[in-house]
Amino acid sequence: MTIEQKPVQQLCESPLVILGVSASLAVVIGLLPLLWDHSPALAAALGALLVLAFAITVKYAPNRK
């Protein structure tokens, strides 16, 4: 039996997309604090972005039941 998936879900489950998003987030989280001299507001925004990205990754993770 096959389960039909929405195109967006198929795209989100692609390992290359997950790797690309993770690498981009790592670069953003690593570089922005250096460029903006550790602004508390920026640090909070980056933390929220990381939590959001983690939630999306968990929701659309491959082989999730």
PDB file of N, CA and C in Angstrom:
ATOM      1  N   MET A   1       0.848  -1.176   0.000  1.00  0.00           N
ATOM      2  CA  MET A   1       0.000   0.000   0.000  1.00  0.00           C
ATOM      3  C   MET A   1       0.897   1.245   0.000  1.00  0.00           C
ATOM      4  N   THR A   2       0.585   2.190  -0.826  1.00  0.00           N
ATOM      5  CA  THR A   2       1.372   3.421  -0.872  1.00  0.00           C
ATOM      6  C   THR A   2       0.592   4.561  -0.245  1.00  0.00           C
ATOM      7  N   ILE A   3       1.320   5.461   0.324  1.00  0.00           N
ATOM      8  CA  ILE A   3       0.714   6.639   0.936  1.00  0.00           C
ATOM      9  C   ILE A   3       1.053   7.829   0.053  1.00  0.00           C
ATOM     10  N   GLU A   4       0.025   8.539  -0.387  1.00  0.00           N
ATOM     11  CA  GLU A   4       0.272   9.711  -1.221  1.00  0.00           C
ATOM     12  C   GLU A   4       0.726  10.870  -0.342  1.00  0.00           C
ATOM     13  N   GLN A   5       1.691  11.603  -0.858  1.00  0.00           N
ATOM     14  CA  GLN A   5       2.215  12.741  -0.127  1.00  0.00           C
ATOM     15  C   GLN A   5       2.026  14.004  -0.952  1.00  0.00           C
ATOM     16  N   LYS A   6       1.929  15.105  -0.251  1.00  0.00           N
ATOM     17  CA  LYS A   6       1.863  16.396  -0.920  1.00  0.00           C
ATOM     18  C   LYS A   6       3.258  16.738  -1.445  1.00  0.00           C
ATOM     19  N   PRO A   7       3.340  17.483  -2.549  1.00  0.00           N
ATOM     20  CA  PRO A   7       4.655  17.847  -3.089  1.00  0.00           C
ATOM     21  C   PRO A   7       5.549  18.579  -2.088  1.00  0.00           C
ATOM     22  N   VAL A   8       4.959  19.437  -1.256  1.00  0.00           N
ATOM     23  CA  VAL A   8       5.764  20.166  -0.276  1.00  0.00           C
ATOM     24  C   VAL A   8       6.359  19.202   0.734  1.00  0.00           C
ATOM     25  N   GLN A   9       5.575  18.217   1.162  1.00  0.00           N
ATOM     26  CA  GLN A   9       6.079  17.247   2.127  1.00  0.00           C
ATOM     27  C   GLN A   9       7.194  16.418   1.510  1.00  0.00           C
ATOM     28  N   GLN A  10       7.053  16.035   0.243  1.00  0.00           N
ATOM     29  CA  GLN A  10       8.113  15.283  -0.421  1.00  0.00           C
ATOM     30  C   GLN A  10       9.388  16.112  -0.486  1.00  0.00           C
ATOM     31  N   LEU A  11       9.254  17.396  -0.782  1.00  0.00           N
ATOM     32  CA  LEU A  11      10.418  18.270  -0.851  1.00  0.00           C
ATOM     33  C   LEU A  11      11.079  18.394   0.514  1.00  0.00           C
ATOM     34  N   CYS A  12      10.277  18.541   1.571  1.00  0.00           N
ATOM     35  CA  CYS A  12      10.825  18.688   2.916  1.00  0.00           C
ATOM     36  C   CYS A  12      11.509  17.416   3.401  1.00  0.00           C
ATOM     37  N   GLU A  13      11.118  16.263   2.858  1.00  0.00           N
ATOM     38  CA  GLU A  13      11.717  15.002   3.280  1.00  0.00           C
ATOM     39  C   GLU A  13      12.996  14.679   2.516  1.00  0.00           C
ATOM     40  N   SER A  14      13.336  15.474   1.526  1.00  0.00           N
ATOM     41  CA  SER A  14      14.550  15.226   0.762  1.00  0.00           C
ATOM     42  C   SER A  14      15.772  15.444   1.654  1.00  0.00           C
ATOM     43  N   PRO A  15      16.658  14.451   1.740  1.00  0.00           N
ATOM     44  CA  PRO A  15      17.857  14.612   2.580  1.00  0.00           C
ATOM     45  C   PRO A  15      18.720  15.802   2.160  1.00  0.00           C
ATOM     46  N   LEU A  16      18.787  16.081   0.859  1.00  0.00           N
ATOM     47  CA  LEU A  16      19.590  17.221   0.412  1.00  0.00           C
ATOM     48  C   LEU A  16      18.988  18.542   0.869  1.00  0.00           C
ATOM     49  N   VAL A  17      17.660  18.627   0.892  1.00  0.00           N
ATOM     50  CA  VAL A  17      17.006  19.853   1.366  1.00  0.00           C
ATOM     51  C   VAL A  17      17.255  20.022   2.857  1.00  0.00           C
ATOM     52  N   ILE A  18      17.104  18.946   3.615  1.00  0.00           N
ATOM     53  CA  ILE A  18      17.337  19.012   5.060  1.00  0.00           C
ATOM     54  C   ILE A  18      18.787  19.392   5.347  1.00  0.00           C
ATOM     55  N   LEU A  19      19.733  18.797   4.611  1.00  0.00           N
ATOM     56  CA  LEU A  19      21.146  19.120   4.793  1.00  0.00           C
ATOM     57  C   LEU A  19      21.422  20.574   4.427  1.00  0.00           C
ATOM     58  N   GLY A  20      20.842  21.032   3.325  1.00  0.00           N
ATOM     59  CA  GLY A  20      21.050  22.415   2.903  1.00  0.00           C
ATOM     60  C   GLY A  20      20.506  23.417   3.898  1.00  0.00           C
ATOM     61  N   VAL A  21      19.315  23.149   4.412  1.00  0.00           N
ATOM     62  CA  VAL A  21      18.713  24.046   5.402  1.00  0.00           C
ATOM     63  C   VAL A  21      19.534  24.038   6.687  1.00  0.00           C
ATOM     64  N   SER A  22      19.979  22.862   7.111  1.00  0.00           N
ATOM     65  CA  SER A  22      20.784  22.762   8.330  1.00  0.00           C
ATOM     66  C   SER A  22      22.104  23.514   8.179  1.00  0.00           C
ATOM     67  N   ALA A  23      22.752  23.351   7.032  1.00  0.00           N
ATOM     68  CA  ALA A  23      24.020  24.044   6.796  1.00  0.00           C
ATOM     69  C   ALA A  23      23.815  25.557   6.758  1.00  0.00           C
ATOM     70  N   SER A  24      22.741  25.998   6.114  1.00  0.00           N
ATOM     71  CA  SER A  24      22.451  27.435   6.051  1.00  0.00           C
ATOM     72  C   SER A  24      22.200  28.004   7.445  1.00  0.00           C
ATOM     73  N   LEU A  25      21.443  27.276   8.248  1.00  0.00           N
ATOM     74  CA  LEU A  25      21.183  27.732   9.616  1.00  0.00           C
ATOM     75  C   LEU A  25      22.467  27.783  10.436  1.00  0.00           C
ATOM     76  N   ALA A  26      23.335  26.800  10.247  1.00  0.00           N
ATOM     77  CA  ALA A  26      24.603  26.796  10.979  1.00  0.00           C
ATOM     78  C   ALA A  26      25.440  28.021  10.618  1.00  0.00           C
ATOM     79  N   VAL A  27      25.469  28.361   9.340  1.00  0.00           N
ATOM     80  CA  VAL A  27      26.224  29.540   8.909  1.00  0.00           C
ATOM     81  C   VAL A  27      25.614  30.811   9.486  1.00  0.00           C
ATOM     82  N   VAL A  28      24.291  30.922   9.406  1.00  0.00           N
ATOM     83  CA  VAL A  28      23.617  32.119   9.929  1.00  0.00           C
ATOM     84  C   VAL A  28      23.848  32.256  11.425  1.00  0.00           C
ATOM     85  N   ILE A  29      23.676  31.168  12.153  1.00  0.00           N
ATOM     86  CA  ILE A  29      23.837  31.218  13.605  1.00  0.00           C
ATOM     87  C   ILE A  29      25.292  31.497  13.977  1.00  0.00           C
ATOM     88  N   GLY A  30      26.220  30.992  13.174  1.00  0.00           N
ATOM     89  CA  GLY A  30      27.633  31.222  13.460  1.00  0.00           C
ATOM     90  C   GLY A  30      28.118  32.624  13.118  1.00  0.00           C
ATOM     91  N   LEU A  31      27.615  33.207  12.033  1.00  0.00           N
ATOM     92  CA  LEU A  31      28.154  34.483  11.558  1.00  0.00           C
ATOM     93  C   LEU A  31      27.418  35.724  12.051  1.00  0.00           C
ATOM     94  N   LEU A  32      26.098  35.667  12.153  1.00  0.00           N
ATOM     95  CA  LEU A  32      25.361  36.880  12.505  1.00  0.00           C
ATOM     96  C   LEU A  32      25.747  37.470  13.865  1.00  0.00           C
ATOM     97  N   PRO A  33      25.923  36.662  14.906  1.00  0.00           N
ATOM     98  CA  PRO A  33      26.335  37.276  16.180  1.00  0.00           C
ATOM     99  C   PRO A  33      27.681  38.000  16.082  1.00  0.00           C
ATOM    100  N   LEU A  34      28.583  37.481  15.251  1.00  0.00           N
ATOM    101  CA  LEU A  34      29.865  38.156  15.082  1.00  0.00           C
ATOM    102  C   LEU A  34      29.692  39.489  14.361  1.00  0.00           C
ATOM    103  N   LEU A  35      28.792  39.514  13.374  1.00  0.00           N
ATOM    104  CA  LEU A  35      28.599  40.733  12.596  1.00  0.00           C
ATOM    105  C   LEU A  35      27.825  41.796  13.369  1.00  0.00           C
ATOM    106  N   TRP A  36      26.917  41.389  14.237  1.00  0.00           N
ATOM    107  CA  TRP A  36      26.105  42.358  14.964  1.00  0.00           C
ATOM    108  C   TRP A  36      26.511  42.509  16.430  1.00  0.00           C
ATOM    109  N   ASP A  37      27.709  42.076  16.751  1.00  0.00           N
ATOM    110  CA  ASP A  37      28.292  42.282  18.084  1.00  0.00           C
ATOM    111  C   ASP A  37      27.409  41.772  19.222  1.00  0.00           C
ATOM    112  N   HIS A  38      26.887  40.588  19.053  1.00  0.00           N
ATOM    113  CA  HIS A  38      26.127  39.882  20.098  1.00  0.00           C
ATOM    114  C   HIS A  38      24.925  40.666  20.630  1.00  0.00           C
ATOM    115  N   SER A  39      24.112  41.172  19.728  1.00  0.00           N
ATOM    116  CA  SER A  39      22.896  41.887  20.122  1.00  0.00           C
ATOM    117  C   SER A  39      21.918  40.908  20.778  1.00  0.00           C
ATOM    118  N   PRO A  40      21.377  41.227  21.960  1.00  0.00           N
ATOM    119  CA  PRO A  40      20.416  40.325  22.610  1.00  0.00           C
ATOM    120  C   PRO A  40      19.172  40.066  21.762  1.00  0.00           C
ATOM    121  N   ALA A  41      18.684  41.093  21.082  1.00  0.00           N
ATOM    122  CA  ALA A  41      17.496  40.908  20.244  1.00  0.00           C
ATOM    123  C   ALA A  41      17.806  39.971  19.088  1.00  0.00           C
ATOM    124  N   LEU A  42      18.963  40.124  18.489  1.00  0.00           N
ATOM    125  CA  LEU A  42      19.356  39.251  17.388  1.00  0.00           C
ATOM    126  C   LEU A  42      19.554  37.821  17.889  1.00  0.00           C
ATOM    127  N   ALA A  43      20.161  37.675  19.053  1.00  0.00           N
ATOM    128  CA  ALA A  43      20.352  36.339  19.615  1.00  0.00           C
ATOM    129  C   ALA A  43      19.004  35.661  19.871  1.00  0.00           C
ATOM    130  N   ALA A  44      18.034  36.406  20.366  1.00  0.00           N
ATOM    131  CA  ALA A  44      16.700  35.847  20.601  1.00  0.00           C
ATOM    132  C   ALA A  44      16.034  35.453  19.286  1.00  0.00           C
ATOM    133  N   ALA A  45      16.185  36.289  18.261  1.00  0.00           N
ATOM    134  CA  ALA A  45      15.597  35.979  16.957  1.00  0.00           C
ATOM    135  C   ALA A  45      16.241  34.735  16.352  1.00  0.00           C
ATOM    136  N   LEU A  46      17.547  34.606  16.467  1.00  0.00           N
ATOM    137  CA  LEU A  46      18.232  33.422  15.947  1.00  0.00           C
ATOM    138  C   LEU A  46      17.819  32.167  16.712  1.00  0.00           C
ATOM    139  N   GLY A  47      17.639  32.303  18.022  1.00  0.00           N
ATOM    140  CA  GLY A  47      17.166  31.168  18.807  1.00  0.00           C
ATOM    141  C   GLY A  47      15.774  30.738  18.384  1.00  0.00           C
ATOM    142  N   ALA A  48      14.903  31.701  18.145  1.00  0.00           N
ATOM    143  CA  ALA A  48      13.550  31.386  17.682  1.00  0.00           C
ATOM    144  C   ALA A  48      13.581  30.742  16.303  1.00  0.00           C
ATOM    145  N   LEU A  49      14.458  31.226  15.431  1.00  0.00           N
ATOM    146  CA  LEU A  49      14.609  30.641  14.098  1.00  0.00           C
ATOM    147  C   LEU A  49      15.081  29.195  14.191  1.00  0.00           C
ATOM    148  N   LEU A  50      16.008  28.935  15.087  1.00  0.00           N
ATOM    149  CA  LEU A  50      16.506  27.573  15.268  1.00  0.00           C
ATOM    150  C   LEU A  50      15.403  26.646  15.770  1.00  0.00           C
ATOM    151  N   VAL A  51      14.615  27.103  16.732  1.00  0.00           N
ATOM    152  CA  VAL A  51      13.512  26.295  17.258  1.00  0.00           C
ATOM    153  C   VAL A  51      12.476  26.030  16.168  1.00  0.00           C
ATOM    154  N   LEU A  52      12.166  27.035  15.365  1.00  0.00           N
ATOM    155  CA  LEU A  52      11.214  26.868  14.270  1.00  0.00           C
ATOM    156  C   LEU A  52      11.731  25.863  13.241  1.00  0.00           C
ATOM    157  N   ALA A  53      12.994  25.981  12.876  1.00  0.00           N
ATOM    158  CA  ALA A  53      13.576  25.046  11.908  1.00  0.00           C
ATOM    159  C   ALA A  53      13.564  23.621  12.458  1.00  0.00           C
ATOM    160  N   PHE A  54      13.853  23.460  13.744  1.00  0.00           N
ATOM    161  CA  PHE A  54      13.825  22.135  14.361  1.00  0.00           C
ATOM    162  C   PHE A  54      12.407  21.571  14.347  1.00  0.00           C
ATOM    163  N   ALA A  55      11.418  22.400  14.650  1.00  0.00           N
ATOM    164  CA  ALA A  55      10.026  21.937  14.661  1.00  0.00           C
ATOM    165  C   ALA A  55       9.579  21.500  13.271  1.00  0.00           C
ATOM    166  N   ILE A  56       9.949  22.261  12.248  1.00  0.00           N
ATOM    167  CA  ILE A  56       9.589  21.893  10.874  1.00  0.00           C
ATOM    168  C   ILE A  56      10.273  20.593  10.477  1.00  0.00           C
ATOM    169  N   THR A  57      11.548  20.459  10.833  1.00  0.00           N
ATOM    170  CA  THR A  57      12.286  19.236  10.502  1.00  0.00           C
ATOM    171  C   THR A  57      11.659  18.022  11.173  1.00  0.00           C
ATOM    172  N   VAL A  58      11.278  18.159  12.439  1.00  0.00           N
ATOM    173  CA  VAL A  58      10.658  17.040  13.151  1.00  0.00           C
ATOM    174  C   VAL A  58       9.305  16.708  12.537  1.00  0.00           C
ATOM    175  N   LYS A  59       8.536  17.715  12.179  1.00  0.00           N
ATOM    176  CA  LYS A  59       7.201  17.476  11.617  1.00  0.00           C
ATOM    177  C   LYS A  59       7.274  16.721  10.297  1.00  0.00           C
ATOM    178  N   TYR A  60       8.215  17.085   9.449  1.00  0.00           N
ATOM    179  CA  TYR A  60       8.308  16.475   8.127  1.00  0.00           C
ATOM    180  C   TYR A  60       9.451  15.471   8.014  1.00  0.00           C
ATOM    181  N   ALA A  61       9.910  14.940   9.134  1.00  0.00           N
ATOM    182  CA  ALA A  61      11.031  13.994   9.108  1.00  0.00           C
ATOM    183  C   ALA A  61      10.665  12.739   8.315  1.00  0.00           C
ATOM    184  N   PRO A  62      11.635  12.194   7.572  1.00  0.00           N
ATOM    185  CA  PRO A  62      11.369  10.957   6.828  1.00  0.00           C
ATOM    186  C   PRO A  62      11.013   9.803   7.772  1.00  0.00           C
ATOM    187  N   ASN A  63      10.158   8.929   7.296  1.00  0.00           N
ATOM    188  CA  ASN A  63       9.758   7.716   8.023  1.00  0.00           C
ATOM    189  C   ASN A  63       9.084   8.021   9.351  1.00  0.00           C
ATOM    190  N   ARG A  64       8.461   9.170   9.469  1.00  0.00           N
ATOM    191  CA  ARG A  64       7.752   9.511  10.704  1.00  0.00           C
ATOM    192  C   ARG A  64       6.379   8.862  10.667  1.00  0.00           C
ATOM    193  N   LYS A  65       5.999   8.205  11.763  1.00  0.00           N
ATOM    194  CA  LYS A  65       4.699   7.520  11.818  1.00  0.00           C
ATOM    195  C   LYS A  65       3.699   8.347  12.582  1.00  0.00           C
TER     196      LYS A  65
END
